[in-house]
Amino acid sequence: MSAEEPLFRIVRGVPTAEELAALVGVIAARSRPTVRPAPTPTSVWARSGRPVGATLTPGAAAWRASGLPR
């Protein structure tokens, strides 16, 4: 791609200055690499809790089963 060649070209219609500015803004925003936020560290207290997805089963002596790993 040469320095004189445009990055994009309007093929049909006559866009206003505002429409061109919006188009350039969208292209610029979409061409940036995405940055994912770093995961927040989990405290030791939170890690020691019940595993994700563990369900409590109601019923007689359910309190005994609630603390046991499955």
C-alpha atoms as a PDB file:
ATOM      1  CA  MET A   1       0.000   0.000   0.000  1.00  0.00           C
ATOM      2  CA  SER A   2       1.511   3.327  -1.019  1.00  0.00           C
ATOM      3  CA  ALA A   3       1.280   6.577   0.925  1.00  0.00           C
ATOM      4  CA  GLU A   4      -0.905   8.075  -1.822  1.00  0.00           C
ATOM      5  CA  GLU A   5      -3.419   5.230  -1.854  1.00  0.00           C
ATOM      6  CA  PRO A   6      -6.462   5.899   0.401  1.00  0.00           C
ATOM      7  CA  LEU A   7      -7.241   3.495   3.245  1.00  0.00           C
ATOM      8  CA  PHE A   8     -10.899   3.258   2.227  1.00  0.00           C
ATOM      9  CA  ARG A   9     -13.080   4.615  -0.524  1.00  0.00           C
ATOM     10  CA  ILE A  10     -16.731   5.714  -0.675  1.00  0.00           C
ATOM     11  CA  VAL A  11     -18.250   3.749  -3.539  1.00  0.00           C
ATOM     12  CA  ARG A  12     -21.779   5.107  -3.556  1.00  0.00           C
ATOM     13  CA  GLY A  13     -23.513   8.180  -2.158  1.00  0.00           C
ATOM     14  CA  VAL A  14     -22.264  11.495  -0.859  1.00  0.00           C
ATOM     15  CA  PRO A  15     -21.585  11.286   2.881  1.00  0.00           C
ATOM     16  CA  THR A  16     -21.580  14.370   5.060  1.00  0.00           C
ATOM     17  CA  ALA A  17     -18.565  15.370   7.130  1.00  0.00           C
ATOM     18  CA  GLU A  18     -20.283  13.959  10.236  1.00  0.00           C
ATOM     19  CA  GLU A  19     -20.932  10.606   8.535  1.00  0.00           C
ATOM     20  CA  LEU A  20     -17.300  10.370   7.424  1.00  0.00           C
ATOM     21  CA  ALA A  21     -16.122  11.235  10.928  1.00  0.00           C
ATOM     22  CA  ALA A  22     -18.352   8.504  12.374  1.00  0.00           C
ATOM     23  CA  LEU A  23     -17.029   5.984   9.848  1.00  0.00           C
ATOM     24  CA  VAL A  24     -13.421   6.851  10.617  1.00  0.00           C
ATOM     25  CA  GLY A  25     -14.154   6.615  14.354  1.00  0.00           C
ATOM     26  CA  VAL A  26     -15.658   3.150  14.007  1.00  0.00           C
ATOM     27  CA  ILE A  27     -12.798   1.898  11.832  1.00  0.00           C
ATOM     28  CA  ALA A  28     -10.231   3.297  14.250  1.00  0.00           C
ATOM     29  CA  ALA A  29     -11.969   1.747  17.263  1.00  0.00           C
ATOM     30  CA  ARG A  30     -12.339  -1.657  15.597  1.00  0.00           C
ATOM     31  CA  SER A  31      -8.713  -1.753  14.426  1.00  0.00           C
ATOM     32  CA  ARG A  32      -7.260  -1.352  17.930  1.00  0.00           C
ATOM     33  CA  PRO A  33      -6.209  -4.531  19.701  1.00  0.00           C
ATOM     34  CA  THR A  34      -8.548  -5.501  22.505  1.00  0.00           C
ATOM     35  CA  VAL A  35      -7.167  -5.303  26.002  1.00  0.00           C
ATOM     36  CA  ARG A  36      -8.632  -7.702  28.521  1.00  0.00           C
ATOM     37  CA  PRO A  37      -8.536  -6.580  32.124  1.00  0.00           C
ATOM     38  CA  ALA A  38      -6.356  -8.642  34.419  1.00  0.00           C
ATOM     39  CA  PRO A  39      -8.358 -11.029  36.593  1.00  0.00           C
ATOM     40  CA  THR A  40      -8.811  -9.861  40.132  1.00  0.00           C
ATOM     41  CA  PRO A  41      -6.886 -11.980  42.615  1.00  0.00           C
ATOM     42  CA  THR A  42      -9.015 -14.198  44.848  1.00  0.00           C
ATOM     43  CA  SER A  43      -8.309 -14.118  48.542  1.00  0.00           C
ATOM     44  CA  VAL A  44      -7.339 -17.239  50.443  1.00  0.00           C
ATOM     45  CA  TRP A  45     -10.578 -16.948  52.376  1.00  0.00           C
ATOM     46  CA  ALA A  46     -12.694 -16.960  49.200  1.00  0.00           C
ATOM     47  CA  ARG A  47     -10.739 -19.854  47.652  1.00  0.00           C
ATOM     48  CA  SER A  48     -11.338 -22.016  50.703  1.00  0.00           C
ATOM     49  CA  GLY A  49     -15.111 -21.800  50.321  1.00  0.00           C
ATOM     50  CA  ARG A  50     -17.556 -24.058  48.574  1.00  0.00           C
ATOM     51  CA  PRO A  51     -16.531 -24.914  45.006  1.00  0.00           C
ATOM     52  CA  VAL A  52     -18.380 -23.223  42.177  1.00  0.00           C
ATOM     53  CA  GLY A  53     -21.362 -25.255  41.078  1.00  0.00           C
ATOM     54  CA  ALA A  54     -21.776 -27.119  44.356  1.00  0.00           C
ATOM     55  CA  THR A  55     -25.429 -27.344  45.255  1.00  0.00           C
ATOM     56  CA  LEU A  56     -27.078 -27.876  48.588  1.00  0.00           C
ATOM     57  CA  THR A  57     -29.518 -30.752  48.782  1.00  0.00           C
ATOM     58  CA  PRO A  58     -32.396 -30.250  51.190  1.00  0.00           C
ATOM     59  CA  GLY A  59     -33.476 -33.125  53.397  1.00  0.00           C
ATOM     60  CA  ALA A  60     -32.699 -35.045  56.525  1.00  0.00           C
ATOM     61  CA  ALA A  61     -28.997 -34.848  57.490  1.00  0.00           C
ATOM     62  CA  ALA A  62     -28.251 -32.551  54.543  1.00  0.00           C
ATOM     63  CA  TRP A  63     -25.931 -30.536  56.753  1.00  0.00           C
ATOM     64  CA  ARG A  64     -23.550 -33.518  56.841  1.00  0.00           C
ATOM     65  CA  ALA A  65     -23.341 -33.756  53.055  1.00  0.00           C
ATOM     66  CA  SER A  66     -22.949 -30.015  52.619  1.00  0.00           C
ATOM     67  CA  GLY A  67     -19.339 -30.015  53.830  1.00  0.00           C
ATOM     68  CA  LEU A  68     -18.082 -33.127  52.082  1.00  0.00           C
ATOM     69  CA  PRO A  69     -16.409 -32.951  48.663  1.00  0.00           C
ATOM     70  CA  ARG A  70     -18.229 -34.858  45.971  1.00  0.00           C
END
